[in-house]
PDB file of N, CA and C in Angstrom:
ATOM      1  N   MET A   1      89.234  92.850  98.136  1.00  0.00           N
ATOM      2  CA  MET A   1      87.445  92.962  98.577  1.00  0.00           C
ATOM      3  C   MET A   1      86.984  91.617  99.538  1.00  0.00           C
ATOM      4  N   LYS A   2      86.175  91.883 100.545  1.00  0.00           N
ATOM      5  CA  LYS A   2      85.752  91.035 101.291  1.00  0.00           C
ATOM      6  C   LYS A   2      84.867  90.578 100.344  1.00  0.00           C
ATOM      7  N   THR A   3      84.100  89.178 100.200  1.00  0.00           N
ATOM      8  CA  THR A   3      83.164  88.983  99.186  1.00  0.00           C
ATOM      9  C   THR A   3      82.323  87.335  99.980  1.00  0.00           C
ATOM     10  N   SER A   4      81.279  87.549  99.510  1.00  0.00           N
ATOM     11  CA  SER A   4      80.018  86.270  99.489  1.00  0.00           C
ATOM     12  C   SER A   4      80.614  84.992  98.592  1.00  0.00           C
ATOM     13  N   LEU A   5      81.679  85.405  97.132  1.00  0.00           N
ATOM     14  CA  LEU A   5      81.614  84.290  96.621  1.00  0.00           C
ATOM     15  C   LEU A   5      82.709  82.900  97.404  1.00  0.00           C
ATOM     16  N   THR A   6      82.032  82.101  96.670  1.00  0.00           N
ATOM     17  CA  THR A   6      82.751  80.566  96.743  1.00  0.00           C
ATOM     18  C   THR A   6      83.051  79.668  95.809  1.00  0.00           C
ATOM     19  N   LEU A   7      84.293  78.962  96.244  1.00  0.00           N
ATOM     20  CA  LEU A   7      84.515  78.327  95.024  1.00  0.00           C
ATOM     21  C   LEU A   7      84.218  76.663  95.431  1.00  0.00           C
ATOM     22  N   LEU A   8      83.590  76.317  94.078  1.00  0.00           N
ATOM     23  CA  LEU A   8      83.402  74.631  94.779  1.00  0.00           C
ATOM     24  C   LEU A   8      84.325  73.863  93.483  1.00  0.00           C
ATOM     25  N   LEU A   9      85.400  72.808  94.610  1.00  0.00           N
ATOM     26  CA  LEU A   9      86.246  72.041  93.817  1.00  0.00           C
ATOM     27  C   LEU A   9      85.738  70.646  93.854  1.00  0.00           C
ATOM     28  N   THR A  10      85.678  70.169  92.689  1.00  0.00           N
ATOM     29  CA  THR A  10      85.468  68.760  92.305  1.00  0.00           C
ATOM     30  C   THR A  10      86.698  68.303  91.369  1.00  0.00           C
ATOM     31  N   SER A  11      86.572  66.663  91.484  1.00  0.00           N
ATOM     32  CA  SER A  11      87.196  66.290  89.897  1.00  0.00           C
ATOM     33  C   SER A  11      86.451  65.215  88.895  1.00  0.00           C
ATOM     34  N   PHE A  12      86.911  64.509  87.615  1.00  0.00           N
ATOM     35  CA  PHE A  12      86.265  64.239  87.168  1.00  0.00           C
ATOM     36  C   PHE A  12      87.406  63.863  86.581  1.00  0.00           C
ATOM     37  N   SER A  13      87.075  62.199  85.526  1.00  0.00           N
ATOM     38  CA  SER A  13      87.744  61.424  85.433  1.00  0.00           C
ATOM     39  C   SER A  13      87.704  61.724  83.670  1.00  0.00           C
ATOM     40  N   ALA A  14      86.614  61.957  83.559  1.00  0.00           N
ATOM     41  CA  ALA A  14      86.578  62.330  81.913  1.00  0.00           C
ATOM     42  C   ALA A  14      86.610  63.947  81.518  1.00  0.00           C
ATOM     43  N   GLU A  15      87.094  64.696  80.962  1.00  0.00           N
ATOM     44  CA  GLU A  15      86.709  66.053  80.618  1.00  0.00           C
ATOM     45  C   GLU A  15      85.520  66.042  79.951  1.00  0.00           C
ATOM     46  N   ALA A  16      85.558  65.062  79.362  1.00  0.00           N
ATOM     47  CA  ALA A  16      83.538  65.662  78.738  1.00  0.00           C
ATOM     48  C   ALA A  16      83.170  65.889  79.331  1.00  0.00           C
ATOM     49  N   ASP A  17      82.557  64.852  80.827  1.00  0.00           N
ATOM     50  CA  ASP A  17      82.081  64.806  82.008  1.00  0.00           C
ATOM     51  C   ASP A  17      82.091  65.991  82.526  1.00  0.00           C
ATOM     52  N   ALA A  18      83.224  66.705  82.537  1.00  0.00           N
ATOM     53  CA  ALA A  18      83.071  68.330  83.536  1.00  0.00           C
ATOM     54  C   ALA A  18      82.669  69.152  82.798  1.00  0.00           C
ATOM     55  N   ILE A  19      82.730  68.885  81.398  1.00  0.00           N
ATOM     56  CA  ILE A  19      82.490  70.017  80.396  1.00  0.00           C
ATOM     57  C   ILE A  19      80.865  70.299  80.351  1.00  0.00           C
ATOM     58  N   ALA A  20      80.548  68.927  80.851  1.00  0.00           N
ATOM     59  CA  ALA A  20      78.743  68.692  80.260  1.00  0.00           C
ATOM     60  C   ALA A  20      78.032  69.167  81.774  1.00  0.00           C
ATOM     61  N   VAL A  21      78.854  68.595  83.113  1.00  0.00           N
ATOM     62  CA  VAL A  21      78.388  69.001  84.185  1.00  0.00           C
ATOM     63  C   VAL A  21      78.427  71.161  84.538  1.00  0.00           C
ATOM     64  N   ILE A  22      79.692  71.169  83.576  1.00  0.00           N
ATOM     65  CA  ILE A  22      79.621  72.785  83.827  1.00  0.00           C
ATOM     66  C   ILE A  22      78.604  73.890  83.246  1.00  0.00           C
ATOM     67  N   ARG A  23      78.948  73.071  81.993  1.00  0.00           N
ATOM     68  CA  ARG A  23      77.574  73.360  81.021  1.00  0.00           C
ATOM     69  C   ARG A  23      76.325  73.737  82.033  1.00  0.00           C
ATOM     70  N   SER A  24      75.874  72.495  82.255  1.00  0.00           N
ATOM     71  CA  SER A  24      74.606  72.570  83.113  1.00  0.00           C
ATOM     72  C   SER A  24      74.537  73.452  84.360  1.00  0.00           C
ATOM     73  N   LEU A  25      75.242  73.513  85.037  1.00  0.00           N
ATOM     74  CA  LEU A  25      75.290  74.205  86.456  1.00  0.00           C
ATOM     75  C   LEU A  25      75.595  76.071  85.695  1.00  0.00           C
ATOM     76  N   VAL A  26      76.339  76.190  84.520  1.00  0.00           N
ATOM     77  CA  VAL A  26      76.094  77.683  84.130  1.00  0.00           C
ATOM     78  C   VAL A  26      74.982  78.313  83.470  1.00  0.00           C
ATOM     79  N   GLU A  27      74.366  76.693  82.506  1.00  0.00           N
ATOM     80  CA  GLU A  27      72.842  77.580  82.105  1.00  0.00           C
ATOM     81  C   GLU A  27      71.797  77.375  83.111  1.00  0.00           C
ATOM     82  N   GLU A  28      72.181  76.541  84.306  1.00  0.00           N
ATOM     83  CA  GLU A  28      70.978  76.368  85.430  1.00  0.00           C
ATOM     84  C   GLU A  28      71.211  77.679  86.374  1.00  0.00           C
ATOM     85  N   HIS A  29      72.371  78.433  86.197  1.00  0.00           N
ATOM     86  CA  HIS A  29      72.797  79.733  87.206  1.00  0.00           C
ATOM     87  C   HIS A  29      73.286  78.998  88.492  1.00  0.00           C
ATOM     88  N   TRP A  30      73.600  78.146  88.332  1.00  0.00           N
ATOM     89  CA  TRP A  30      73.957  77.639  89.777  1.00  0.00           C
ATOM     90  C   TRP A  30      75.601  78.312  90.056  1.00  0.00           C
ATOM     91  N   VAL A  31      76.436  78.515  89.219  1.00  0.00           N
ATOM     92  CA  VAL A  31      77.620  78.771  89.027  1.00  0.00           C
ATOM     93  C   VAL A  31      78.091  80.032  87.923  1.00  0.00           C
ATOM     94  N   ALA A  32      78.721  80.906  88.054  1.00  0.00           N
ATOM     95  CA  ALA A  32      78.685  82.201  87.156  1.00  0.00           C
ATOM     96  C   ALA A  32      79.946  81.691  86.089  1.00  0.00           C
ATOM     97  N   CYS A  33      80.630  80.528  86.692  1.00  0.00           N
ATOM     98  CA  CYS A  33      81.941  79.903  85.636  1.00  0.00           C
ATOM     99  C   CYS A  33      82.309  78.362  86.207  1.00  0.00           C
ATOM    100  N   GLY A  34      82.919  77.859  85.203  1.00  0.00           N
ATOM    101  CA  GLY A  34      83.773  76.705  85.885  1.00  0.00           C
ATOM    102  C   GLY A  34      85.087  76.635  84.733  1.00  0.00           C
ATOM    103  N   THR A  35      86.284  76.190  85.724  1.00  0.00           N
ATOM    104  CA  THR A  35      87.787  76.276  85.346  1.00  0.00           C
ATOM    105  C   THR A  35      87.728  74.612  85.184  1.00  0.00           C
ATOM    106  N   ILE A  36      88.037  74.243  84.430  1.00  0.00           N
ATOM    107  CA  ILE A  36      89.213  73.239  83.589  1.00  0.00           C
ATOM    108  C   ILE A  36      90.531  73.077  84.121  1.00  0.00           C
ATOM    109  N   LEU A  37      91.023  72.264  84.932  1.00  0.00           N
ATOM    110  CA  LEU A  37      92.143  71.970  85.091  1.00  0.00           C
ATOM    111  C   LEU A  37      92.908  70.452  84.706  1.00  0.00           C
ATOM    112  N   PRO A  38      93.312  70.328  83.495  1.00  0.00           N
ATOM    113  CA  PRO A  38      93.774  68.967  83.620  1.00  0.00           C
ATOM    114  C   PRO A  38      95.143  68.207  83.857  1.00  0.00           C
ATOM    115  N   LYS A  39      95.136  67.360  84.116  1.00  0.00           N
ATOM    116  CA  LYS A  39      95.673  66.070  84.055  1.00  0.00           C
ATOM    117  C   LYS A  39      96.459  66.182  84.979  1.00  0.00           C
ATOM    118  N   ALA A  40      95.572  65.954  86.181  1.00  0.00           N
ATOM    119  CA  ALA A  40      95.806  66.119  87.818  1.00  0.00           C
ATOM    120  C   ALA A  40      95.977  64.348  87.908  1.00  0.00           C
ATOM    121  N   THR A  41      96.901  63.935  88.971  1.00  0.00           N
ATOM    122  CA  THR A  41      96.771  62.831  89.448  1.00  0.00           C
ATOM    123  C   THR A  41      96.393  62.953  90.409  1.00  0.00           C
ATOM    124  N   SER A  42      95.221  61.821  90.906  1.00  0.00           N
ATOM    125  CA  SER A  42      95.163  61.269  92.354  1.00  0.00           C
ATOM    126  C   SER A  42      95.273  59.949  92.692  1.00  0.00           C
ATOM    127  N   ILE A  43      95.901  60.246  94.215  1.00  0.00           N
ATOM    128  CA  ILE A  43      96.228  58.978  94.242  1.00  0.00           C
ATOM    129  C   ILE A  43      95.369  58.859  96.164  1.00  0.00           C
ATOM    130  N   TYR A  44      94.522  57.636  95.768  1.00  0.00           N
ATOM    131  CA  TYR A  44      93.464  57.181  97.261  1.00  0.00           C
ATOM    132  C   TYR A  44      93.390  55.523  97.025  1.00  0.00           C
ATOM    133  N   CYS A  45      92.511  55.962  98.300  1.00  0.00           N
ATOM    134  CA  CYS A  45      92.056  54.143  97.926  1.00  0.00           C
ATOM    135  C   CYS A  45      90.924  53.923  98.207  1.00  0.00           C
ATOM    136  N   TRP A  46      90.562  53.006  97.558  1.00  0.00           N
ATOM    137  CA  TRP A  46      89.441  53.000  97.239  1.00  0.00           C
ATOM    138  C   TRP A  46      88.421  51.096  97.636  1.00  0.00           C
ATOM    139  N   GLN A  47      87.720  51.112  98.591  1.00  0.00           N
ATOM    140  CA  GLN A  47      87.254  49.318  98.537  1.00  0.00           C
ATOM    141  C   GLN A  47      88.661  49.049  98.750  1.00  0.00           C
ATOM    142  N   GLY A  48      89.270  49.203  99.600  1.00  0.00           N
ATOM    143  CA  GLY A  48      90.451  48.927 100.054  1.00  0.00           C
ATOM    144  C   GLY A  48      91.881  48.236  98.908  1.00  0.00           C
ATOM    145  N   LYS A  49      91.452  49.309  97.739  1.00  0.00           N
ATOM    146  CA  LYS A  49      92.713  49.662  96.643  1.00  0.00           C
ATOM    147  C   LYS A  49      93.248  50.976  96.996  1.00  0.00           C
ATOM    148  N   LEU A  50      94.273  50.669  96.177  1.00  0.00           N
ATOM    149  CA  LEU A  50      95.537  52.506  96.605  1.00  0.00           C
ATOM    150  C   LEU A  50      95.074  52.183  94.881  1.00  0.00           C
ATOM    151  N   ASN A  51      94.654  53.289  94.492  1.00  0.00           N
ATOM    152  CA  ASN A  51      94.475  53.624  93.187  1.00  0.00           C
ATOM    153  C   ASN A  51      95.402  55.014  92.816  1.00  0.00           C
ATOM    154  N   GLU A  52      95.444  55.068  91.488  1.00  0.00           N
ATOM    155  CA  GLU A  52      96.070  56.361  90.825  1.00  0.00           C
ATOM    156  C   GLU A  52      95.744  56.649  89.759  1.00  0.00           C
ATOM    157  N   VAL A  53      94.684  57.351  89.763  1.00  0.00           N
ATOM    158  CA  VAL A  53      94.564  57.594  87.955  1.00  0.00           C
ATOM    159  C   VAL A  53      94.406  59.160  87.980  1.00  0.00           C
ATOM    160  N   GLN A  54      94.150  59.343  86.480  1.00  0.00           N
ATOM    161  CA  GLN A  54      94.873  60.903  85.891  1.00  0.00           C
ATOM    162  C   GLN A  54      93.246  61.057  85.922  1.00  0.00           C
ATOM    163  N   GLU A  55      92.859  62.604  86.525  1.00  0.00           N
ATOM    164  CA  GLU A  55      91.668  63.144  86.492  1.00  0.00           C
ATOM    165  C   GLU A  55      91.555  64.496  85.883  1.00  0.00           C
ATOM    166  N   CYS A  56      90.949  65.331  85.811  1.00  0.00           N
ATOM    167  CA  CYS A  56      90.727  66.843  85.729  1.00  0.00           C
ATOM    168  C   CYS A  56      90.369  67.199  87.214  1.00  0.00           C
ATOM    169  N   MET A  57      90.607  68.743  87.410  1.00  0.00           N
ATOM    170  CA  MET A  57      90.004  69.054  88.596  1.00  0.00           C
ATOM    171  C   MET A  57      89.257  70.134  88.002  1.00  0.00           C
ATOM    172  N   VAL A  58      88.140  70.359  88.696  1.00  0.00           N
ATOM    173  CA  VAL A  58      87.366  71.727  88.974  1.00  0.00           C
ATOM    174  C   VAL A  58      87.047  72.852  89.367  1.00  0.00           C
ATOM    175  N   LEU A  59      87.252  74.152  89.223  1.00  0.00           N
ATOM    176  CA  LEU A  59      86.732  75.017  89.860  1.00  0.00           C
ATOM    177  C   LEU A  59      85.892  75.893  89.697  1.00  0.00           C
ATOM    178  N   LEU A  60      84.553  75.750  90.552  1.00  0.00           N
ATOM    179  CA  LEU A  60      83.691  76.524  90.067  1.00  0.00           C
ATOM    180  C   LEU A  60      83.037  77.682  90.672  1.00  0.00           C
ATOM    181  N   LYS A  61      82.693  78.902  90.367  1.00  0.00           N
ATOM    182  CA  LYS A  61      82.665  79.939  91.068  1.00  0.00           C
ATOM    183  C   LYS A  61      80.968  80.041  91.400  1.00  0.00           C
ATOM    184  N   THR A  62      80.978  80.343  92.475  1.00  0.00           N
ATOM    185  CA  THR A  62      79.270  80.686  92.931  1.00  0.00           C
ATOM    186  C   THR A  62      79.100  81.539  93.651  1.00  0.00           C
ATOM    187  N   SER A  63      77.842  81.999  94.685  1.00  0.00           N
ATOM    188  CA  SER A  63      77.638  82.504  95.389  1.00  0.00           C
ATOM    189  C   SER A  63      77.656  81.527  97.145  1.00  0.00           C
ATOM    190  N   HIS A  64      78.077  82.398  97.863  1.00  0.00           N
ATOM    191  CA  HIS A  64      77.772  82.012  99.528  1.00  0.00           C
ATOM    192  C   HIS A  64      76.530  81.275  99.727  1.00  0.00           C
ATOM    193  N   HIS A  65      75.065  82.176  99.116  1.00  0.00           N
ATOM    194  CA  HIS A  65      73.742  81.979  99.074  1.00  0.00           C
ATOM    195  C   HIS A  65      73.432  80.729  98.379  1.00  0.00           C
ATOM    196  N   LEU A  66      74.065  80.328  97.527  1.00  0.00           N
ATOM    197  CA  LEU A  66      73.594  79.637  96.858  1.00  0.00           C
ATOM    198  C   LEU A  66      74.496  77.911  96.589  1.00  0.00           C
ATOM    199  N   ILE A  67      75.652  78.354  97.732  1.00  0.00           N
ATOM    200  CA  ILE A  67      76.683  76.457  97.885  1.00  0.00           C
ATOM    201  C   ILE A  67      75.842  75.463  98.275  1.00  0.00           C
ATOM    202  N   GLU A  68      74.477  75.270  99.363  1.00  0.00           N
ATOM    203  CA  GLU A  68      74.306  74.683  99.486  1.00  0.00           C
ATOM    204  C   GLU A  68      73.560  73.782  98.505  1.00  0.00           C
ATOM    205  N   ALA A  69      72.867  74.341  97.574  1.00  0.00           N
ATOM    206  CA  ALA A  69      71.707  73.948  96.585  1.00  0.00           C
ATOM    207  C   ALA A  69      72.321  73.401  95.579  1.00  0.00           C
ATOM    208  N   CYS A  70      73.506  74.310  95.479  1.00  0.00           N
ATOM    209  CA  CYS A  70      75.037  74.214  94.147  1.00  0.00           C
ATOM    210  C   CYS A  70      75.258  72.278  94.447  1.00  0.00           C
ATOM    211  N   MET A  71      75.440  72.531  95.637  1.00  0.00           N
ATOM    212  CA  MET A  71      76.838  70.948  95.633  1.00  0.00           C
ATOM    213  C   MET A  71      75.620  70.210  95.954  1.00  0.00           C
ATOM    214  N   LYS A  72      74.039  70.567  95.949  1.00  0.00           N
ATOM    215  CA  LYS A  72      73.288  68.801  95.937  1.00  0.00           C
ATOM    216  C   LYS A  72      73.507  68.892  94.438  1.00  0.00           C
ATOM    217  N   ARG A  73      72.579  70.089  93.762  1.00  0.00           N
ATOM    218  CA  ARG A  73      72.545  69.783  91.978  1.00  0.00           C
ATOM    219  C   ARG A  73      74.127  69.470  91.635  1.00  0.00           C
ATOM    220  N   LEU A  74      75.407  69.638  91.837  1.00  0.00           N
ATOM    221  CA  LEU A  74      76.359  69.155  91.914  1.00  0.00           C
ATOM    222  C   LEU A  74      76.377  67.525  91.661  1.00  0.00           C
ATOM    223  N   LYS A  75      75.946  67.151  93.102  1.00  0.00           N
ATOM    224  CA  LYS A  75      76.003  65.683  93.051  1.00  0.00           C
ATOM    225  C   LYS A  75      75.326  65.090  92.433  1.00  0.00           C
ATOM    226  N   GLU A  76      73.934  65.333  91.952  1.00  0.00           N
ATOM    227  CA  GLU A  76      72.834  64.934  91.260  1.00  0.00           C
ATOM    228  C   GLU A  76      73.859  64.955  90.165  1.00  0.00           C
ATOM    229  N   LEU A  77      74.339  65.775  89.320  1.00  0.00           N
ATOM    230  CA  LEU A  77      74.754  65.468  87.766  1.00  0.00           C
ATOM    231  C   LEU A  77      76.352  64.595  87.624  1.00  0.00           C
ATOM    232  N   HIS A  78      76.910  64.718  88.930  1.00  0.00           N
ATOM    233  CA  HIS A  78      78.488  64.174  88.998  1.00  0.00           C
ATOM    234  C   HIS A  78      78.497  62.433  88.486  1.00  0.00           C
ATOM    235  N   PRO A  79      79.296  62.067  87.745  1.00  0.00           N
ATOM    236  CA  PRO A  79      78.956  60.545  87.739  1.00  0.00           C
ATOM    237  C   PRO A  79      79.855  59.674  88.516  1.00  0.00           C
ATOM    238  N   TYR A  80      80.548  60.479  89.813  1.00  0.00           N
ATOM    239  CA  TYR A  80      80.692  59.686  90.477  1.00  0.00           C
ATOM    240  C   TYR A  80      80.244  58.924  91.984  1.00  0.00           C
ATOM    241  N   SER A  81      80.034  57.724  92.800  1.00  0.00           N
ATOM    242  CA  SER A  81      79.048  57.867  93.282  1.00  0.00           C
ATOM    243  C   SER A  81      79.663  58.255  94.762  1.00  0.00           C
ATOM    244  N   VAL A  82      80.228  58.431  94.949  1.00  0.00           N
ATOM    245  CA  VAL A  82      81.358  59.344  96.137  1.00  0.00           C
ATOM    246  C   VAL A  82      82.158  60.629  95.777  1.00  0.00           C
ATOM    247  N   PRO A  83      81.123  61.697  94.705  1.00  0.00           N
ATOM    248  CA  PRO A  83      82.346  63.042  94.253  1.00  0.00           C
ATOM    249  C   PRO A  83      82.494  63.627  95.882  1.00  0.00           C
ATOM    250  N   GLU A  84      84.739  63.961  94.906  1.00  0.00           N
ATOM    251  CA  GLU A  84      84.907  65.263  95.849  1.00  0.00           C
ATOM    252  C   GLU A  84      84.223  66.657  95.513  1.00  0.00           C
ATOM    253  N   ILE A  85      83.885  66.920  96.533  1.00  0.00           N
ATOM    254  CA  ILE A  85      83.027  68.137  96.206  1.00  0.00           C
ATOM    255  C   ILE A  85      83.034  68.883  97.782  1.00  0.00           C
ATOM    256  N   MET A  86      83.803  70.009  97.869  1.00  0.00           N
ATOM    257  CA  MET A  86      84.588  70.986  98.472  1.00  0.00           C
ATOM    258  C   MET A  86      84.671  72.016  98.668  1.00  0.00           C
ATOM    259  N   SER A  87      83.803  72.975  99.644  1.00  0.00           N
ATOM    260  CA  SER A  87      83.588  74.265  99.133  1.00  0.00           C
ATOM    261  C   SER A  87      84.619  75.063  99.350  1.00  0.00           C
ATOM    262  N   ILE A  88      85.439  76.131  98.783  1.00  0.00           N
ATOM    263  CA  ILE A  88      86.519  77.022  99.542  1.00  0.00           C
ATOM    264  C   ILE A  88      86.256  78.479  99.549  1.00  0.00           C
ATOM    265  N   GLU A  89      86.540  79.071 101.146  1.00  0.00           N
ATOM    266  CA  GLU A  89      85.456  80.682 100.942  1.00  0.00           C
ATOM    267  C   GLU A  89      87.099  81.694 100.658  1.00  0.00           C
ATOM    268  N   PRO A  90      86.810  82.085  99.494  1.00  0.00           N
ATOM    269  CA  PRO A  90      88.251  83.249  99.340  1.00  0.00           C
ATOM    270  C   PRO A  90      88.529  84.401 100.346  1.00  0.00           C
ATOM    271  N   THR A  91      89.210  85.226 100.854  1.00  0.00           N
ATOM    272  CA  THR A  91      89.380  85.632 101.931  1.00  0.00           C
ATOM    273  C   THR A  91      89.294  87.389 101.518  1.00  0.00           C
ATOM    274  N   SER A  92      89.943  87.384  99.481  1.00  0.00           N
ATOM    275  CA  SER A  92      89.404  88.164  99.074  1.00  0.00           C
ATOM    276  C   SER A  92      89.429  88.275  97.595  1.00  0.00           C
ATOM    277  N   VAL A  93      88.275  88.855  97.146  1.00  0.00           N
ATOM    278  CA  VAL A  93      88.282  88.656  95.277  1.00  0.00           C
ATOM    279  C   VAL A  93      88.274  90.351  94.998  1.00  0.00           C
ATOM    280  N   ASP A  94      88.764  90.113  93.399  1.00  0.00           N
ATOM    281  CA  ASP A  94      88.863  91.756  92.869  1.00  0.00           C
ATOM    282  C   ASP A  94      87.556  91.929  93.072  1.00  0.00           C
ATOM    283  N   SER A  95      87.094  92.999  93.037  1.00  0.00           N
ATOM    284  CA  SER A  95      85.987  93.542  92.888  1.00  0.00           C
ATOM    285  C   SER A  95      85.181  93.716  91.734  1.00  0.00           C
ATOM    286  N   ASN A  96      85.910  94.082  90.848  1.00  0.00           N
ATOM    287  CA  ASN A  96      84.898  93.409  88.897  1.00  0.00           C
ATOM    288  C   ASN A  96      84.871  92.189  88.844  1.00  0.00           C
ATOM    289  N   TYR A  97      85.533  91.904  89.284  1.00  0.00           N
ATOM    290  CA  TYR A  97      85.177  90.126  89.321  1.00  0.00           C
ATOM    291  C   TYR A  97      83.979  89.532  89.646  1.00  0.00           C
ATOM    292  N   ALA A  98      83.793  90.384  91.596  1.00  0.00           N
ATOM    293  CA  ALA A  98      82.991  89.983  91.821  1.00  0.00           C
ATOM    294  C   ALA A  98      81.682  90.182  92.141  1.00  0.00           C
ATOM    295  N   GLN A  99      81.571  91.287  91.229  1.00  0.00           N
ATOM    296  CA  GLN A  99      80.078  92.179  90.831  1.00  0.00           C
ATOM    297  C   GLN A  99      80.094  90.983  89.373  1.00  0.00           C
ATOM    298  N   TRP A 100      80.560  91.237  88.316  1.00  0.00           N
ATOM    299  CA  TRP A 100      80.503  90.242  87.494  1.00  0.00           C
ATOM    300  C   TRP A 100      79.807  88.526  87.782  1.00  0.00           C
ATOM    301  N   VAL A 101      80.385  88.097  88.771  1.00  0.00           N
ATOM    302  CA  VAL A 101      79.946  86.492  89.015  1.00  0.00           C
ATOM    303  C   VAL A 101      78.155  87.279  89.645  1.00  0.00           C
ATOM    304  N   LYS A 102      78.185  88.124  90.516  1.00  0.00           N
ATOM    305  CA  LYS A 102      76.927  88.601  91.222  1.00  0.00           C
ATOM    306  C   LYS A 102      75.898  89.225  89.880  1.00  0.00           C
ATOM    307  N   ASP A 103      76.748  90.117  89.129  1.00  0.00           N
ATOM    308  CA  ASP A 103      75.457  89.898  88.400  1.00  0.00           C
ATOM    309  C   ASP A 103      75.351  88.522  87.581  1.00  0.00           C
ATOM    310  N   VAL A 104      75.935  87.897  87.093  1.00  0.00           N
ATOM    311  CA  VAL A 104      75.231  86.425  86.217  1.00  0.00           C
ATOM    312  C   VAL A 104      74.136  85.631  86.835  1.00  0.00           C
ATOM    313  N   LEU A 105      74.805  85.402  88.560  1.00  0.00           N
ATOM    314  CA  LEU A 105      73.660  84.611  89.272  1.00  0.00           C
ATOM    315  C   LEU A 105      72.576  85.244  89.315  1.00  0.00           C
ATOM    316  N   CYS A 106      72.492  86.527  89.795  1.00  0.00           N
ATOM    317  CA  CYS A 106      71.204  87.557  90.364  1.00  0.00           C
ATOM    318  C   CYS A 106      70.838  87.323  88.652  1.00  0.00           C
ATOM    319  N   ALA A 107      70.703  86.935  87.514  1.00  0.00           N
ATOM    320  CA  ALA A 107      69.840  87.010  87.006  1.00  0.00           C
ATOM    321  C   ALA A 107      68.373  86.538  86.940  1.00  0.00           C
ATOM    322  N   THR A 108      68.958  84.733  87.803  1.00  0.00           N
ATOM    323  CA  THR A 108      67.428  84.154  87.948  1.00  0.00           C
ATOM    324  C   THR A 108      67.198  84.010  89.595  1.00  0.00           C
ATOM    325  N   MET A 109      68.866  83.303  90.360  1.00  0.00           N
ATOM    326  CA  MET A 109      69.333  82.965  91.522  1.00  0.00           C
ATOM    327  C   MET A 109      69.131  83.736  92.997  1.00  0.00           C
ATOM    328  N   LEU A 110      69.623  84.717  92.765  1.00  0.00           N
ATOM    329  CA  LEU A 110      70.187  85.554  93.924  1.00  0.00           C
ATOM    330  C   LEU A 110      69.123  86.142  94.759  1.00  0.00           C
ATOM    331  N   PRO A 111      68.716  86.406  96.232  1.00  0.00           N
ATOM    332  CA  PRO A 111      67.649  87.700  96.547  1.00  0.00           C
ATOM    333  C   PRO A 111      68.489  89.123  96.257  1.00  0.00           C
TER     334      PRO A 111
END
């Protein structure tokens, strides 16, 4: 099913931070669901130094209509000074799942 759903991808150094941010975003109806993928290894340069750290990846499910405001709110809540926040547009989504996301978000946010 073609959809207006969007995935947001971000990462956290602590799972407790990820849980707190996901809870806020779900309670505020910015996202329908957040999924934590633990034990990711990130390798990157930061301030001229090569880093290799354990993080957890987070997938957030939201509507395309909410993406800009949701990204802004995620940035406000995120503990990193420069958080990884990317949107991914799925080419298709199961129709029952898409309807569930729409129903959850329609409660307060969608037109």
